[in-house]
């Protein structure tokens, strides 16, 4: 499958860090669609099912063949006290780790029910940092089984660290890896080994959290000195820092797509416009320095 260069990440649709309404979430997806985005990523963990439900409703009625959708497995949403500190959601449910074969199959079944769809295009194991053995011995073989049956088109792993993603490449056969907060202007850990390895194996890399938790999207007045220097360099070349942050991962061989998230439709429009703004080579040299 051809991954578009730009996709919409579903974390904010699950009330990541702050709550938005159902109507605002639908407006975000509508703005992404209007801006030409045709790749959407979500997960059961995002808002403990809220992101998947909202995304499914927003996509309802659109031709299923006209967009790509990825979700994840490894955390099952279960009733009972807990909540999640990163998401503004009620505390009457929680995420339960499960990378077993049955857990992966159950996760996909529940995701499809929340999404209101009969299939997803990409299924990823989600953050198996402390569950390597079960993920590699049970979880990934379950993904491979789903791929061989044609239930999903592509499989892989999504994580916030590069070391274990390299291990998955060396021990399994993923199609796609989602590297979150590892391919930013401030944090380039995926460039050391992961990206070259994936390029040599023909594995697609998707870059997530490219704004370094917002620092590179709208730098605050007390931003770290290196961020301020980057912002000034971009301004000298007539480029936004956010635009450079989104474009940076795609300069690396093997990186196919960048995911952006937004709590408001205006942010989607602004970021998409910045994404398509040309970045001169002279600026890349300055940012590298």
C-alpha atoms as a PDB file:
ATOM      1  CA  UNK A   1       0.000   0.000   0.000  1.00  0.00           C
ATOM      2  CA  UNK A   2       1.085   3.561  -0.602  1.00  0.00           C
ATOM      3  CA  UNK A   3       1.242   5.545   2.613  1.00  0.00           C
ATOM      4  CA  UNK A   4       0.451   9.231   2.098  1.00  0.00           C
ATOM      5  CA  UNK A   5       3.122  11.633   3.264  1.00  0.00           C
ATOM      6  CA  UNK A   6       0.768  13.235   5.777  1.00  0.00           C
ATOM      7  CA  UNK A   7      -1.717  11.601   8.112  1.00  0.00           C
ATOM      8  CA  UNK A   8      -3.905  12.559  11.057  1.00  0.00           C
ATOM      9  CA  UNK A   9      -2.980  11.135  14.454  1.00  0.00           C
ATOM     10  CA  UNK A  10      -5.917  10.243  16.670  1.00  0.00           C
ATOM     11  CA  UNK A  11      -4.522  11.080  20.120  1.00  0.00           C
ATOM     12  CA  UNK A  12      -6.302  14.449  20.426  1.00  0.00           C
ATOM     13  CA  UNK A  13      -9.553  12.804  19.308  1.00  0.00           C
ATOM     14  CA  UNK A  14      -9.283  10.818  22.549  1.00  0.00           C
ATOM     15  CA  UNK A  15      -8.908  13.956  24.682  1.00  0.00           C
ATOM     16  CA  UNK A  16      -5.119  13.789  24.883  1.00  0.00           C
ATOM     17  CA  UNK A  17      -4.054  16.260  27.616  1.00  0.00           C
ATOM     18  CA  UNK A  18      -7.334  18.181  27.319  1.00  0.00           C
ATOM     19  CA  UNK A  19     -10.932  17.428  26.499  1.00  0.00           C
ATOM     20  CA  UNK A  20     -12.711  18.371  23.302  1.00  0.00           C
ATOM     21  CA  UNK A  21     -16.342  17.770  22.415  1.00  0.00           C
ATOM     22  CA  UNK A  22     -17.664  15.180  19.987  1.00  0.00           C
ATOM     23  CA  UNK A  23     -18.527  18.017  17.623  1.00  0.00           C
ATOM     24  CA  UNK A  24     -14.997  19.444  17.790  1.00  0.00           C
ATOM     25  CA  UNK A  25     -13.505  16.006  17.140  1.00  0.00           C
ATOM     26  CA  UNK A  26     -15.734  15.536  14.089  1.00  0.00           C
ATOM     27  CA  UNK A  27     -14.742  18.991  12.845  1.00  0.00           C
ATOM     28  CA  UNK A  28     -11.049  18.075  13.148  1.00  0.00           C
ATOM     29  CA  UNK A  29     -11.515  14.982  10.978  1.00  0.00           C
ATOM     30  CA  UNK A  30     -13.635  16.933   8.500  1.00  0.00           C
ATOM     31  CA  UNK A  31     -10.940  19.608   8.248  1.00  0.00           C
ATOM     32  CA  UNK A  32      -8.311  16.932   7.644  1.00  0.00           C
ATOM     33  CA  UNK A  33     -10.414  15.373   4.900  1.00  0.00           C
ATOM     34  CA  UNK A  34     -11.031  18.748   3.281  1.00  0.00           C
ATOM     35  CA  UNK A  35      -7.279  19.437   3.392  1.00  0.00           C
ATOM     36  CA  UNK A  36      -6.605  16.214   1.489  1.00  0.00           C
ATOM     37  CA  UNK A  37      -5.528  13.910   4.321  1.00  0.00           C
ATOM     38  CA  UNK A  38      -6.405  10.302   3.564  1.00  0.00           C
ATOM     39  CA  UNK A  39      -4.474   8.456   6.270  1.00  0.00           C
ATOM     40  CA  UNK A  40      -5.836   8.229   9.819  1.00  0.00           C
ATOM     41  CA  UNK A  41      -4.189   6.594  12.830  1.00  0.00           C
ATOM     42  CA  UNK A  42      -5.823   5.724  16.133  1.00  0.00           C
ATOM     43  CA  UNK A  43      -5.597   3.219  19.009  1.00  0.00           C
ATOM     44  CA  UNK A  44      -7.791   1.721  21.728  1.00  0.00           C
ATOM     45  CA  UNK A  45      -5.542   3.439  24.290  1.00  0.00           C
ATOM     46  CA  UNK A  46      -6.314   6.926  22.957  1.00  0.00           C
ATOM     47  CA  UNK A  47      -9.066   8.052  25.288  1.00  0.00           C
ATOM     48  CA  UNK A  48      -9.758   4.416  26.219  1.00  0.00           C
ATOM     49  CA  UNK A  49     -11.799   3.818  23.074  1.00  0.00           C
ATOM     50  CA  UNK A  50     -12.991   7.399  22.624  1.00  0.00           C
ATOM     51  CA  UNK A  51     -10.675   8.180  19.701  1.00  0.00           C
ATOM     52  CA  UNK A  52     -11.757   5.109  17.754  1.00  0.00           C
ATOM     53  CA  UNK A  53     -15.450   5.829  18.317  1.00  0.00           C
ATOM     54  CA  UNK A  54     -15.111   9.457  17.276  1.00  0.00           C
ATOM     55  CA  UNK A  55     -12.979   8.685  14.243  1.00  0.00           C
ATOM     56  CA  UNK A  56     -15.364   5.966  13.097  1.00  0.00           C
ATOM     57  CA  UNK A  57     -18.332   8.321  13.308  1.00  0.00           C
ATOM     58  CA  UNK A  58     -16.488  11.080  11.458  1.00  0.00           C
ATOM     59  CA  UNK A  59     -15.492   8.749   8.615  1.00  0.00           C
ATOM     60  CA  UNK A  60     -18.910   7.157   8.295  1.00  0.00           C
ATOM     61  CA  UNK A  61     -20.385   7.666   4.861  1.00  0.00           C
ATOM     62  CA  UNK A  62     -17.030   8.231   3.175  1.00  0.00           C
ATOM     63  CA  UNK A  63     -15.914   5.635   0.604  1.00  0.00           C
ATOM     64  CA  UNK A  64     -13.914   3.036   2.550  1.00  0.00           C
ATOM     65  CA  UNK A  65     -11.513   2.525  -0.336  1.00  0.00           C
ATOM     66  CA  UNK A  66     -10.579   6.213  -0.367  1.00  0.00           C
ATOM     67  CA  UNK A  67      -8.552   6.294   2.858  1.00  0.00           C
ATOM     68  CA  UNK A  68      -6.126   4.242   4.955  1.00  0.00           C
ATOM     69  CA  UNK A  69      -6.748   3.532   8.624  1.00  0.00           C
ATOM     70  CA  UNK A  70      -4.380   2.146  11.225  1.00  0.00           C
ATOM     71  CA  UNK A  71      -5.085   1.122  14.793  1.00  0.00           C
ATOM     72  CA  UNK A  72      -3.192  -0.797  17.446  1.00  0.00           C
ATOM     73  CA  UNK A  73      -3.298  -3.761  19.816  1.00  0.00           C
ATOM     74  CA  UNK A  74      -1.726  -4.489  23.177  1.00  0.00           C
ATOM     75  CA  UNK A  75      -4.031  -2.609  25.530  1.00  0.00           C
ATOM     76  CA  UNK A  76      -7.589  -3.806  26.023  1.00  0.00           C
ATOM     77  CA  UNK A  77     -10.146  -1.284  27.272  1.00  0.00           C
ATOM     78  CA  UNK A  78     -11.850  -2.753  30.305  1.00  0.00           C
ATOM     79  CA  UNK A  79     -14.492  -1.507  32.780  1.00  0.00           C
ATOM     80  CA  UNK A  80     -13.385  -0.666  36.278  1.00  0.00           C
ATOM     81  CA  UNK A  81     -11.634   2.221  38.014  1.00  0.00           C
ATOM     82  CA  UNK A  82      -8.444   3.521  36.498  1.00  0.00           C
ATOM     83  CA  UNK A  83      -8.662   6.075  33.718  1.00  0.00           C
ATOM     84  CA  UNK A  84      -5.487   7.342  32.074  1.00  0.00           C
ATOM     85  CA  UNK A  85      -3.518  10.383  33.193  1.00  0.00           C
ATOM     86  CA  UNK A  86      -2.704  11.480  29.624  1.00  0.00           C
ATOM     87  CA  UNK A  87      -6.348  11.536  28.539  1.00  0.00           C
ATOM     88  CA  UNK A  88      -9.225  13.548  29.944  1.00  0.00           C
ATOM     89  CA  UNK A  89     -11.735  10.705  30.195  1.00  0.00           C
ATOM     90  CA  UNK A  90     -13.943   9.264  32.959  1.00  0.00           C
ATOM     91  CA  UNK A  91     -12.202   6.992  35.444  1.00  0.00           C
ATOM     92  CA  UNK A  92     -14.701   4.154  35.062  1.00  0.00           C
ATOM     93  CA  UNK A  93     -12.516   2.147  32.660  1.00  0.00           C
ATOM     94  CA  UNK A  94      -8.855   1.359  32.221  1.00  0.00           C
ATOM     95  CA  UNK A  95      -6.345  -0.129  29.795  1.00  0.00           C
ATOM     96  CA  UNK A  96      -5.186  -3.695  30.477  1.00  0.00           C
ATOM     97  CA  UNK A  97      -1.946  -4.888  28.882  1.00  0.00           C
ATOM     98  CA  UNK A  98      -2.365  -7.987  26.719  1.00  0.00           C
ATOM     99  CA  UNK A  99      -0.051  -9.027  23.874  1.00  0.00           C
ATOM    100  CA  UNK A 100      -1.281 -12.622  23.778  1.00  0.00           C
ATOM    101  CA  UNK A 101      -2.737 -14.090  20.600  1.00  0.00           C
ATOM    102  CA  UNK A 102      -6.250 -13.982  22.043  1.00  0.00           C
ATOM    103  CA  UNK A 103      -5.642 -10.455  23.299  1.00  0.00           C
ATOM    104  CA  UNK A 104      -4.632  -9.226  19.845  1.00  0.00           C
ATOM    105  CA  UNK A 105      -7.617 -10.879  18.156  1.00  0.00           C
ATOM    106  CA  UNK A 106      -9.984  -9.541  20.795  1.00  0.00           C
ATOM    107  CA  UNK A 107      -8.467  -6.071  20.508  1.00  0.00           C
ATOM    108  CA  UNK A 108      -9.029  -5.964  16.759  1.00  0.00           C
ATOM    109  CA  UNK A 109     -12.597  -7.209  17.127  1.00  0.00           C
ATOM    110  CA  UNK A 110     -13.371  -4.522  19.702  1.00  0.00           C
ATOM    111  CA  UNK A 111     -11.658  -1.821  17.632  1.00  0.00           C
ATOM    112  CA  UNK A 112     -13.757  -2.681  14.595  1.00  0.00           C
ATOM    113  CA  UNK A 113     -16.894  -2.479  16.728  1.00  0.00           C
ATOM    114  CA  UNK A 114     -15.939   0.958  18.064  1.00  0.00           C
ATOM    115  CA  UNK A 115     -14.945   2.195  14.608  1.00  0.00           C
ATOM    116  CA  UNK A 116     -18.070   0.782  12.990  1.00  0.00           C
ATOM    117  CA  UNK A 117     -15.938  -0.696  10.190  1.00  0.00           C
ATOM    118  CA  UNK A 118     -15.333  -4.180   8.834  1.00  0.00           C
ATOM    119  CA  UNK A 119     -11.562  -3.808   8.449  1.00  0.00           C
ATOM    120  CA  UNK A 120      -8.501  -1.727   9.185  1.00  0.00           C
ATOM    121  CA  UNK A 121      -5.608  -1.391   6.777  1.00  0.00           C
ATOM    122  CA  UNK A 122      -2.736  -1.451   9.274  1.00  0.00           C
ATOM    123  CA  UNK A 123      -2.553  -3.102  12.700  1.00  0.00           C
ATOM    124  CA  UNK A 124       0.346  -2.311  15.036  1.00  0.00           C
ATOM    125  CA  UNK A 125       1.464  -3.653  18.396  1.00  0.00           C
ATOM    126  CA  UNK A 126       1.347  -0.669  20.749  1.00  0.00           C
ATOM    127  CA  UNK A 127       4.206   0.098  23.166  1.00  0.00           C
ATOM    128  CA  UNK A 128       5.352  -3.426  24.101  1.00  0.00           C
ATOM    129  CA  UNK A 129       8.349  -1.970  25.992  1.00  0.00           C
ATOM    130  CA  UNK A 130       7.934  -4.210  29.042  1.00  0.00           C
ATOM    131  CA  UNK A 131       6.290  -7.110  27.234  1.00  0.00           C
ATOM    132  CA  UNK A 132       8.913  -8.171  24.706  1.00  0.00           C
ATOM    133  CA  UNK A 133       8.613 -11.924  25.134  1.00  0.00           C
ATOM    134  CA  UNK A 134       4.834 -12.090  24.863  1.00  0.00           C
ATOM    135  CA  UNK A 135       4.789  -9.548  22.037  1.00  0.00           C
ATOM    136  CA  UNK A 136       7.367 -11.362  19.913  1.00  0.00           C
ATOM    137  CA  UNK A 137       6.207 -14.911  20.727  1.00  0.00           C
ATOM    138  CA  UNK A 138       2.420 -14.411  20.674  1.00  0.00           C
ATOM    139  CA  UNK A 139       1.383 -10.915  19.640  1.00  0.00           C
ATOM    140  CA  UNK A 140       3.351 -10.544  16.436  1.00  0.00           C
ATOM    141  CA  UNK A 141       2.590 -14.069  15.174  1.00  0.00           C
ATOM    142  CA  UNK A 142      -1.095 -13.199  15.661  1.00  0.00           C
ATOM    143  CA  UNK A 143      -0.584 -10.107  13.488  1.00  0.00           C
ATOM    144  CA  UNK A 144       1.169 -12.224  10.869  1.00  0.00           C
ATOM    145  CA  UNK A 145      -1.741 -14.651  10.895  1.00  0.00           C
ATOM    146  CA  UNK A 146      -4.208 -11.819  10.310  1.00  0.00           C
ATOM    147  CA  UNK A 147      -2.050 -10.528   7.459  1.00  0.00           C
ATOM    148  CA  UNK A 148      -1.795 -13.926   5.786  1.00  0.00           C
ATOM    149  CA  UNK A 149      -5.567 -14.311   6.002  1.00  0.00           C
ATOM    150  CA  UNK A 150      -6.072 -10.908   4.380  1.00  0.00           C
ATOM    151  CA  UNK A 151      -7.882  -9.558   7.449  1.00  0.00           C
ATOM    152  CA  UNK A 152      -5.412  -6.633   7.583  1.00  0.00           C
ATOM    153  CA  UNK A 153      -3.213  -5.319   4.819  1.00  0.00           C
ATOM    154  CA  UNK A 154      -0.070  -4.500   6.783  1.00  0.00           C
ATOM    155  CA  UNK A 155       1.300  -5.090  10.288  1.00  0.00           C
ATOM    156  CA  UNK A 156       3.973  -3.660  12.518  1.00  0.00           C
ATOM    157  CA  UNK A 157       4.836  -2.015  15.817  1.00  0.00           C
ATOM    158  CA  UNK A 158       4.461   1.499  17.225  1.00  0.00           C
ATOM    159  CA  UNK A 159       6.709   2.718  20.043  1.00  0.00           C
ATOM    160  CA  UNK A 160       8.412   5.715  21.620  1.00  0.00           C
ATOM    161  CA  UNK A 161      11.853   4.084  21.530  1.00  0.00           C
ATOM    162  CA  UNK A 162      14.102   2.880  18.732  1.00  0.00           C
ATOM    163  CA  UNK A 163      16.055   0.080  20.394  1.00  0.00           C
ATOM    164  CA  UNK A 164      13.181  -2.389  20.609  1.00  0.00           C
ATOM    165  CA  UNK A 165      11.893  -1.412  17.169  1.00  0.00           C
ATOM    166  CA  UNK A 166      15.295  -2.497  15.826  1.00  0.00           C
ATOM    167  CA  UNK A 167      14.869  -5.790  17.704  1.00  0.00           C
ATOM    168  CA  UNK A 168      11.467  -6.307  16.069  1.00  0.00           C
ATOM    169  CA  UNK A 169      13.007  -5.749  12.627  1.00  0.00           C
ATOM    170  CA  UNK A 170      15.690  -8.326  13.420  1.00  0.00           C
ATOM    171  CA  UNK A 171      13.311 -10.948  14.834  1.00  0.00           C
ATOM    172  CA  UNK A 172      10.052 -10.478  12.913  1.00  0.00           C
ATOM    173  CA  UNK A 173       8.854  -9.231   9.516  1.00  0.00           C
ATOM    174  CA  UNK A 174       6.932  -5.972   9.963  1.00  0.00           C
ATOM    175  CA  UNK A 175       5.633  -3.938   7.039  1.00  0.00           C
ATOM    176  CA  UNK A 176       5.357  -0.654   8.949  1.00  0.00           C
ATOM    177  CA  UNK A 177       6.909   0.843  12.072  1.00  0.00           C
ATOM    178  CA  UNK A 178       5.539   3.893  13.855  1.00  0.00           C
ATOM    179  CA  UNK A 179       8.408   5.775  15.517  1.00  0.00           C
ATOM    180  CA  UNK A 180       6.958   8.341  17.907  1.00  0.00           C
ATOM    181  CA  UNK A 181       9.061  11.290  19.112  1.00  0.00           C
ATOM    182  CA  UNK A 182      12.213   9.819  17.576  1.00  0.00           C
ATOM    183  CA  UNK A 183      12.381  11.718  14.289  1.00  0.00           C
ATOM    184  CA  UNK A 184      12.094  15.321  15.391  1.00  0.00           C
ATOM    185  CA  UNK A 185      14.364  18.312  15.018  1.00  0.00           C
ATOM    186  CA  UNK A 186      15.158  17.894  18.711  1.00  0.00           C
ATOM    187  CA  UNK A 187      15.313  14.102  19.054  1.00  0.00           C
ATOM    188  CA  UNK A 188      16.817  12.064  16.240  1.00  0.00           C
ATOM    189  CA  UNK A 189      17.436   8.692  17.883  1.00  0.00           C
ATOM    190  CA  UNK A 190      15.752   6.747  15.069  1.00  0.00           C
ATOM    191  CA  UNK A 191      18.376   7.991  12.602  1.00  0.00           C
ATOM    192  CA  UNK A 192      21.202   6.130  14.304  1.00  0.00           C
ATOM    193  CA  UNK A 193      20.151   2.600  13.371  1.00  0.00           C
ATOM    194  CA  UNK A 194      16.423   2.161  12.911  1.00  0.00           C
ATOM    195  CA  UNK A 195      15.803   4.253   9.793  1.00  0.00           C
ATOM    196  CA  UNK A 196      18.830   2.930   7.820  1.00  0.00           C
ATOM    197  CA  UNK A 197      17.884  -0.635   8.783  1.00  0.00           C
ATOM    198  CA  UNK A 198      14.279  -0.158   7.664  1.00  0.00           C
ATOM    199  CA  UNK A 199      15.408   1.463   4.408  1.00  0.00           C
ATOM    200  CA  UNK A 200      17.597  -1.576   3.674  1.00  0.00           C
ATOM    201  CA  UNK A 201      14.729  -3.988   4.397  1.00  0.00           C
ATOM    202  CA  UNK A 202      11.982  -2.077   2.592  1.00  0.00           C
ATOM    203  CA  UNK A 203      10.055  -1.430   5.820  1.00  0.00           C
ATOM    204  CA  UNK A 204       8.029   1.773   5.878  1.00  0.00           C
ATOM    205  CA  UNK A 205       8.559   4.150   8.791  1.00  0.00           C
ATOM    206  CA  UNK A 206       5.835   6.490  10.012  1.00  0.00           C
ATOM    207  CA  UNK A 207       6.986   9.418  12.145  1.00  0.00           C
ATOM    208  CA  UNK A 208       4.699  10.425  15.005  1.00  0.00           C
ATOM    209  CA  UNK A 209       4.900  13.209  17.614  1.00  0.00           C
ATOM    210  CA  UNK A 210       7.049  15.292  15.270  1.00  0.00           C
ATOM    211  CA  UNK A 211       6.294  18.490  17.197  1.00  0.00           C
ATOM    212  CA  UNK A 212       8.140  17.165  20.254  1.00  0.00           C
ATOM    213  CA  UNK A 213       5.050  17.457  22.448  1.00  0.00           C
ATOM    214  CA  UNK A 214       4.168  20.857  20.997  1.00  0.00           C
ATOM    215  CA  UNK A 215       7.517  22.608  21.413  1.00  0.00           C
ATOM    216  CA  UNK A 216       8.096  22.736  17.663  1.00  0.00           C
ATOM    217  CA  UNK A 217       4.530  23.673  16.734  1.00  0.00           C
ATOM    218  CA  UNK A 218       4.077  26.830  18.758  1.00  0.00           C
ATOM    219  CA  UNK A 219       7.197  27.514  20.866  1.00  0.00           C
ATOM    220  CA  UNK A 220       6.409  29.177  24.209  1.00  0.00           C
ATOM    221  CA  UNK A 221       8.299  32.245  25.368  1.00  0.00           C
ATOM    222  CA  UNK A 222      10.375  30.092  27.717  1.00  0.00           C
ATOM    223  CA  UNK A 223      11.246  27.513  25.030  1.00  0.00           C
ATOM    224  CA  UNK A 224      14.726  25.953  25.251  1.00  0.00           C
ATOM    225  CA  UNK A 225      17.453  28.033  23.544  1.00  0.00           C
ATOM    226  CA  UNK A 226      17.879  25.537  20.701  1.00  0.00           C
ATOM    227  CA  UNK A 227      14.176  25.805  19.848  1.00  0.00           C
ATOM    228  CA  UNK A 228      14.390  29.598  19.796  1.00  0.00           C
ATOM    229  CA  UNK A 229      17.414  29.413  17.486  1.00  0.00           C
ATOM    230  CA  UNK A 230      15.575  27.041  15.151  1.00  0.00           C
ATOM    231  CA  UNK A 231      12.539  29.326  15.089  1.00  0.00           C
ATOM    232  CA  UNK A 232      14.722  32.321  14.204  1.00  0.00           C
ATOM    233  CA  UNK A 233      16.470  30.365  11.440  1.00  0.00           C
ATOM    234  CA  UNK A 234      13.112  29.340   9.970  1.00  0.00           C
ATOM    235  CA  UNK A 235      11.841  32.912  10.129  1.00  0.00           C
ATOM    236  CA  UNK A 236      14.888  34.137   8.187  1.00  0.00           C
ATOM    237  CA  UNK A 237      13.941  31.756   5.370  1.00  0.00           C
ATOM    238  CA  UNK A 238      10.228  32.496   5.496  1.00  0.00           C
ATOM    239  CA  UNK A 239       9.366  29.031   6.794  1.00  0.00           C
ATOM    240  CA  UNK A 240       7.425  28.121   9.924  1.00  0.00           C
ATOM    241  CA  UNK A 241       9.134  25.954  12.519  1.00  0.00           C
ATOM    242  CA  UNK A 242       6.146  23.619  12.415  1.00  0.00           C
ATOM    243  CA  UNK A 243       6.547  23.219   8.653  1.00  0.00           C
ATOM    244  CA  UNK A 244      10.219  22.325   9.006  1.00  0.00           C
ATOM    245  CA  UNK A 245       9.403  19.921  11.847  1.00  0.00           C
ATOM    246  CA  UNK A 246       6.887  18.069   9.681  1.00  0.00           C
ATOM    247  CA  UNK A 247       9.162  17.958   6.645  1.00  0.00           C
ATOM    248  CA  UNK A 248      12.312  16.862   8.470  1.00  0.00           C
ATOM    249  CA  UNK A 249      11.441  13.135   8.874  1.00  0.00           C
ATOM    250  CA  UNK A 250      10.547  12.775   5.197  1.00  0.00           C
ATOM    251  CA  UNK A 251      14.093  13.732   4.198  1.00  0.00           C
ATOM    252  CA  UNK A 252      15.244  10.377   5.565  1.00  0.00           C
ATOM    253  CA  UNK A 253      15.221   7.350   3.215  1.00  0.00           C
ATOM    254  CA  UNK A 254      12.595   4.865   4.310  1.00  0.00           C
ATOM    255  CA  UNK A 255      10.366   7.365   6.124  1.00  0.00           C
ATOM    256  CA  UNK A 256       7.055   7.334   4.286  1.00  0.00           C
ATOM    257  CA  UNK A 257       4.647   9.358   6.365  1.00  0.00           C
ATOM    258  CA  UNK A 258       4.269  11.926   9.129  1.00  0.00           C
ATOM    259  CA  UNK A 259       1.356  12.008  11.559  1.00  0.00           C
ATOM    260  CA  UNK A 260       0.014  15.251  12.984  1.00  0.00           C
ATOM    261  CA  UNK A 261      -2.623  15.640  15.662  1.00  0.00           C
ATOM    262  CA  UNK A 262      -4.880  18.574  16.436  1.00  0.00           C
ATOM    263  CA  UNK A 263      -7.507  19.595  18.970  1.00  0.00           C
ATOM    264  CA  UNK A 264      -9.123  22.117  16.607  1.00  0.00           C
ATOM    265  CA  UNK A 265      -9.902  22.220  12.857  1.00  0.00           C
ATOM    266  CA  UNK A 266      -8.069  25.538  12.444  1.00  0.00           C
ATOM    267  CA  UNK A 267      -4.843  23.849  13.576  1.00  0.00           C
ATOM    268  CA  UNK A 268      -5.296  21.154  10.941  1.00  0.00           C
ATOM    269  CA  UNK A 269      -5.640  23.760   8.211  1.00  0.00           C
ATOM    270  CA  UNK A 270      -2.641  25.747   9.472  1.00  0.00           C
ATOM    271  CA  UNK A 271      -0.394  22.713   9.746  1.00  0.00           C
ATOM    272  CA  UNK A 272      -1.342  21.270   6.368  1.00  0.00           C
ATOM    273  CA  UNK A 273      -0.585  24.602   4.720  1.00  0.00           C
ATOM    274  CA  UNK A 274       2.767  24.729   6.541  1.00  0.00           C
ATOM    275  CA  UNK A 275       3.521  21.142   5.513  1.00  0.00           C
ATOM    276  CA  UNK A 276       3.295  21.976   1.821  1.00  0.00           C
ATOM    277  CA  UNK A 277       5.469  25.074   2.126  1.00  0.00           C
ATOM    278  CA  UNK A 278       8.870  24.494   0.423  1.00  0.00           C
ATOM    279  CA  UNK A 279      11.888  24.383   2.725  1.00  0.00           C
ATOM    280  CA  UNK A 280      15.151  25.650   1.167  1.00  0.00           C
ATOM    281  CA  UNK A 281      18.253  23.481   1.482  1.00  0.00           C
ATOM    282  CA  UNK A 282      20.094  26.329   3.182  1.00  0.00           C
ATOM    283  CA  UNK A 283      17.678  26.102   6.094  1.00  0.00           C
ATOM    284  CA  UNK A 284      18.277  22.387   6.560  1.00  0.00           C
ATOM    285  CA  UNK A 285      21.984  23.101   6.856  1.00  0.00           C
ATOM    286  CA  UNK A 286      21.323  25.691   9.543  1.00  0.00           C
ATOM    287  CA  UNK A 287      18.953  23.431  11.466  1.00  0.00           C
ATOM    288  CA  UNK A 288      21.453  20.595  11.376  1.00  0.00           C
ATOM    289  CA  UNK A 289      24.101  22.882  12.817  1.00  0.00           C
END
